Amino acid sequence: MDGRALIAWNLRRIRVSQGVSQERLAFDAGIDRAYVGGIERKTENPSVDILERLAATLRVEIAELFVRPAPNAEAPTRLKAGRRPNIKRS
């Protein structure tokens, strides 16, 4: 697995496990949503500064983006499509 694929795998794995959409991650990190999608599709080559911003936004160490998956690991899933229901708070 090359570097871009490794980062794409881990970014999606962490983001989905936290229930964070690409749009929310991008907004919170101050990055364009299409760029986050490009990182996950392996079409973008992010700088270390961008990786640090993404890791900080997800509250993980940057090293988490470079963890090699187990040989038999299933690919990270996607979040369910659609918006979350609007929850009324009292």
N, C-alpha and C. Protein backbone atom coordinates (compact mmCIF):
# COMPACT_ATOMS: atom_id res chain seq x y z
N MET A 1 0.86 -1.17 0.00
CA MET A 1 0.00 0.00 0.00
C MET A 1 0.91 1.23 0.00
N ASP A 2 0.70 2.12 -0.98
CA ASP A 2 1.53 3.32 -1.04
C ASP A 2 1.05 4.38 -0.05
N GLY A 3 1.79 5.46 0.05
CA GLY A 3 1.50 6.50 1.04
C GLY A 3 0.12 7.13 0.89
N ARG A 4 -0.26 7.47 -0.33
CA ARG A 4 -1.59 8.07 -0.53
C ARG A 4 -2.70 7.12 -0.12
N ALA A 5 -2.55 5.85 -0.50
CA ALA A 5 -3.57 4.86 -0.14
C ALA A 5 -3.65 4.67 1.37
N LEU A 6 -2.52 4.70 2.03
CA LEU A 6 -2.47 4.53 3.48
C LEU A 6 -3.17 5.69 4.18
N ILE A 7 -2.89 6.90 3.73
CA ILE A 7 -3.54 8.08 4.32
C ILE A 7 -5.03 8.05 4.03
N ALA A 8 -5.41 7.73 2.80
CA ALA A 8 -6.83 7.67 2.43
C ALA A 8 -7.58 6.66 3.30
N TRP A 9 -7.00 5.48 3.45
CA TRP A 9 -7.60 4.41 4.26
C TRP A 9 -7.84 4.89 5.69
N ASN A 10 -6.80 5.43 6.29
CA ASN A 10 -6.88 5.82 7.70
C ASN A 10 -7.75 7.06 7.92
N LEU A 11 -7.69 8.01 7.01
CA LEU A 11 -8.54 9.19 7.16
C LEU A 11 -10.01 8.78 7.15
N ARG A 12 -10.39 7.95 6.19
CA ARG A 12 -11.79 7.50 6.13
C ARG A 12 -12.14 6.65 7.35
N ARG A 13 -11.24 5.75 7.75
CA ARG A 13 -11.49 4.88 8.90
C ARG A 13 -11.76 5.71 10.16
N ILE A 14 -10.92 6.68 10.42
CA ILE A 14 -11.06 7.51 11.62
C ILE A 14 -12.30 8.38 11.51
N ARG A 15 -12.47 9.02 10.37
CA ARG A 15 -13.61 9.94 10.18
C ARG A 15 -14.94 9.21 10.35
N VAL A 16 -15.08 8.06 9.71
CA VAL A 16 -16.34 7.31 9.77
C VAL A 16 -16.56 6.76 11.18
N SER A 17 -15.49 6.28 11.84
CA SER A 17 -15.65 5.75 13.20
C SER A 17 -16.13 6.82 14.16
N GLN A 18 -15.82 8.08 13.87
CA GLN A 18 -16.27 9.18 14.71
C GLN A 18 -17.61 9.77 14.24
N GLY A 19 -18.13 9.25 13.12
CA GLY A 19 -19.40 9.72 12.61
C GLY A 19 -19.33 11.13 12.04
N VAL A 20 -18.18 11.50 11.49
CA VAL A 20 -17.96 12.84 10.95
C VAL A 20 -18.04 12.79 9.43
N SER A 21 -18.83 13.67 8.84
CA SER A 21 -18.93 13.73 7.38
C SER A 21 -17.70 14.43 6.80
N GLN A 22 -17.46 14.23 5.53
CA GLN A 22 -16.38 14.95 4.86
C GLN A 22 -16.61 16.45 4.96
N GLU A 23 -17.85 16.85 4.80
CA GLU A 23 -18.20 18.27 4.85
C GLU A 23 -17.87 18.87 6.21
N ARG A 24 -18.25 18.18 7.28
CA ARG A 24 -17.99 18.66 8.64
C ARG A 24 -16.50 18.71 8.93
N LEU A 25 -15.78 17.65 8.54
CA LEU A 25 -14.33 17.61 8.76
C LEU A 25 -13.66 18.76 8.02
N ALA A 26 -14.03 18.95 6.77
CA ALA A 26 -13.44 20.01 5.97
C ALA A 26 -13.71 21.38 6.59
N PHE A 27 -14.95 21.62 6.98
CA PHE A 27 -15.31 22.91 7.58
C PHE A 27 -14.50 23.16 8.85
N ASP A 28 -14.47 22.17 9.73
CA ASP A 28 -13.77 22.33 11.01
C ASP A 28 -12.26 22.48 10.84
N ALA A 29 -11.71 21.86 9.79
CA ALA A 29 -10.27 21.95 9.54
C ALA A 29 -9.90 23.14 8.66
N GLY A 30 -10.90 23.84 8.12
CA GLY A 30 -10.63 24.98 7.25
C GLY A 30 -10.10 24.56 5.88
N ILE A 31 -10.62 23.44 5.38
CA ILE A 31 -10.19 22.88 4.09
C ILE A 31 -11.43 22.70 3.22
N ASP A 32 -11.26 22.80 1.91
CA ASP A 32 -12.38 22.58 1.01
C ASP A 32 -12.85 21.12 1.08
N ARG A 33 -14.16 20.89 1.06
CA ARG A 33 -14.72 19.54 1.15
C ARG A 33 -14.25 18.66 -0.01
N ALA A 34 -14.17 19.24 -1.19
CA ALA A 34 -13.72 18.47 -2.35
C ALA A 34 -12.28 17.99 -2.16
N TYR A 35 -11.48 18.76 -1.46
CA TYR A 35 -10.09 18.37 -1.21
C TYR A 35 -10.05 17.17 -0.26
N VAL A 36 -10.88 17.18 0.77
CA VAL A 36 -10.95 16.03 1.68
C VAL A 36 -11.38 14.79 0.90
N GLY A 37 -12.38 14.93 0.05
CA GLY A 37 -12.81 13.81 -0.79
C GLY A 37 -11.70 13.33 -1.70
N GLY A 38 -10.92 14.25 -2.24
CA GLY A 38 -9.80 13.89 -3.08
C GLY A 38 -8.71 13.13 -2.33
N ILE A 39 -8.49 13.50 -1.08
CA ILE A 39 -7.52 12.77 -0.26
C ILE A 39 -8.01 11.33 -0.08
N GLU A 40 -9.30 11.17 0.23
CA GLU A 40 -9.85 9.83 0.44
C GLU A 40 -9.91 9.02 -0.85
N ARG A 41 -9.98 9.68 -2.01
CA ARG A 41 -9.98 8.97 -3.30
C ARG A 41 -8.57 8.79 -3.85
N LYS A 42 -7.57 9.31 -3.14
CA LYS A 42 -6.16 9.20 -3.51
C LYS A 42 -5.80 10.04 -4.73
N THR A 43 -6.58 11.08 -5.03
CA THR A 43 -6.25 11.95 -6.15
C THR A 43 -5.52 13.21 -5.70
N GLU A 44 -5.51 13.47 -4.41
CA GLU A 44 -4.81 14.64 -3.85
C GLU A 44 -3.60 14.16 -3.07
N ASN A 45 -2.58 15.01 -3.03
CA ASN A 45 -1.35 14.72 -2.30
C ASN A 45 -1.20 15.78 -1.22
N PRO A 46 -1.78 15.55 -0.02
CA PRO A 46 -1.81 16.60 1.00
C PRO A 46 -0.43 16.87 1.60
N SER A 47 -0.23 18.11 2.00
CA SER A 47 1.01 18.48 2.68
C SER A 47 0.96 18.03 4.13
N VAL A 48 2.08 18.09 4.78
CA VAL A 48 2.15 17.75 6.20
C VAL A 48 1.26 18.71 6.99
N ASP A 49 1.24 19.97 6.61
CA ASP A 49 0.40 20.95 7.31
C ASP A 49 -1.08 20.56 7.24
N ILE A 50 -1.53 20.13 6.08
CA ILE A 50 -2.93 19.69 5.93
C ILE A 50 -3.19 18.45 6.78
N LEU A 51 -2.27 17.50 6.75
CA LEU A 51 -2.44 16.28 7.56
C LEU A 51 -2.49 16.61 9.04
N GLU A 52 -1.67 17.57 9.48
CA GLU A 52 -1.71 17.99 10.88
C GLU A 52 -3.05 18.61 11.24
N ARG A 53 -3.60 19.44 10.34
CA ARG A 53 -4.91 20.06 10.60
C ARG A 53 -6.01 19.01 10.67
N LEU A 54 -5.98 18.04 9.76
CA LEU A 54 -6.99 16.98 9.77
C LEU A 54 -6.89 16.15 11.04
N ALA A 55 -5.66 15.77 11.41
CA ALA A 55 -5.46 14.96 12.62
C ALA A 55 -5.92 15.74 13.86
N ALA A 56 -5.58 17.01 13.95
CA ALA A 56 -5.99 17.82 15.10
C ALA A 56 -7.50 17.94 15.16
N THR A 57 -8.14 18.12 14.02
CA THR A 57 -9.60 18.24 13.97
C THR A 57 -10.26 16.94 14.43
N LEU A 58 -9.66 15.80 14.06
CA LEU A 58 -10.20 14.50 14.45
C LEU A 58 -9.72 14.08 15.85
N ARG A 59 -8.89 14.90 16.46
CA ARG A 59 -8.35 14.66 17.81
C ARG A 59 -7.57 13.34 17.89
N VAL A 60 -6.70 13.14 16.89
CA VAL A 60 -5.80 11.98 16.88
C VAL A 60 -4.39 12.49 16.57
N GLU A 61 -3.41 11.68 16.89
CA GLU A 61 -2.03 12.00 16.52
C GLU A 61 -1.87 11.82 15.01
N ILE A 62 -1.02 12.61 14.39
CA ILE A 62 -0.81 12.51 12.95
C ILE A 62 -0.34 11.10 12.57
N ALA A 63 0.35 10.42 13.47
CA ALA A 63 0.83 9.06 13.20
C ALA A 63 -0.32 8.10 12.92
N GLU A 64 -1.52 8.40 13.43
CA GLU A 64 -2.69 7.54 13.18
C GLU A 64 -3.03 7.48 11.69
N LEU A 65 -2.63 8.49 10.94
CA LEU A 65 -2.90 8.52 9.50
C LEU A 65 -1.95 7.61 8.72
N PHE A 66 -0.94 7.06 9.41
CA PHE A 66 0.06 6.22 8.76
C PHE A 66 0.08 4.78 9.28
N VAL A 67 -0.95 4.39 10.03
CA VAL A 67 -1.02 3.03 10.58
C VAL A 67 -1.37 2.06 9.46
N ARG A 68 -0.57 1.02 9.31
CA ARG A 68 -0.84 0.00 8.29
C ARG A 68 -1.97 -0.91 8.75
N PRO A 69 -2.98 -1.12 7.91
CA PRO A 69 -4.06 -2.03 8.28
C PRO A 69 -3.58 -3.47 8.27
N ALA A 70 -4.26 -4.31 9.03
CA ALA A 70 -3.95 -5.74 9.03
C ALA A 70 -4.17 -6.29 7.62
N PRO A 71 -3.43 -7.32 7.24
CA PRO A 71 -3.56 -7.87 5.89
C PRO A 71 -4.99 -8.27 5.51
N ASN A 72 -5.78 -8.72 6.47
CA ASN A 72 -7.15 -9.16 6.18
C ASN A 72 -8.21 -8.12 6.56
N ALA A 73 -7.80 -6.88 6.83
CA ALA A 73 -8.73 -5.84 7.26
C ALA A 73 -9.68 -5.46 6.12
N GLU A 74 -10.93 -5.27 6.48
CA GLU A 74 -11.91 -4.81 5.49
C GLU A 74 -11.75 -3.31 5.28
N ALA A 75 -12.04 -2.87 4.07
CA ALA A 75 -11.94 -1.45 3.76
C ALA A 75 -12.90 -0.66 4.64
N PRO A 76 -12.52 0.56 5.01
CA PRO A 76 -13.42 1.39 5.82
C PRO A 76 -14.74 1.63 5.08
N THR A 77 -15.82 1.63 5.85
CA THR A 77 -17.14 1.85 5.26
C THR A 77 -17.38 3.33 5.06
N ARG A 78 -18.51 3.63 4.49
CA ARG A 78 -18.94 5.03 4.31
C ARG A 78 -20.01 5.34 5.33
N LEU A 79 -20.19 6.63 5.59
CA LEU A 79 -21.30 7.04 6.43
C LEU A 79 -22.59 6.84 5.66
N LYS A 80 -23.68 6.64 6.38
CA LYS A 80 -24.98 6.54 5.73
C LYS A 80 -25.28 7.85 5.01
N ALA A 81 -25.88 7.74 3.85
CA ALA A 81 -26.22 8.92 3.07
C ALA A 81 -27.33 9.71 3.74
N GLY A 82 -27.38 10.97 3.43
CA GLY A 82 -28.44 11.82 3.97
C GLY A 82 -28.00 12.59 5.19
N ARG A 83 -28.87 13.44 5.61
CA ARG A 83 -28.57 14.29 6.76
C ARG A 83 -29.07 13.64 8.04
N ARG A 84 -28.44 14.01 9.12
CA ARG A 84 -28.89 13.54 10.42
C ARG A 84 -30.22 14.22 10.75
N PRO A 85 -31.07 13.54 11.49
CA PRO A 85 -32.34 14.18 11.86
C PRO A 85 -32.08 15.38 12.76
N ASN A 86 -32.93 16.37 12.64
CA ASN A 86 -32.81 17.56 13.48
C ASN A 86 -33.30 17.23 14.89
N ILE A 87 -32.43 17.30 15.85
CA ILE A 87 -32.76 16.95 17.23
C ILE A 87 -33.11 18.22 17.98
N LYS A 88 -34.30 18.24 18.54
CA LYS A 88 -34.74 19.39 19.33
C LYS A 88 -34.13 19.30 20.73
N ARG A 89 -33.56 20.40 21.17
CA ARG A 89 -32.98 20.43 22.52
C ARG A 89 -33.82 21.36 23.38
N SER A 90 -34.07 20.91 24.59
CA SER A 90 -34.89 21.76 25.46
C SER A 90 -34.06 22.47 26.47
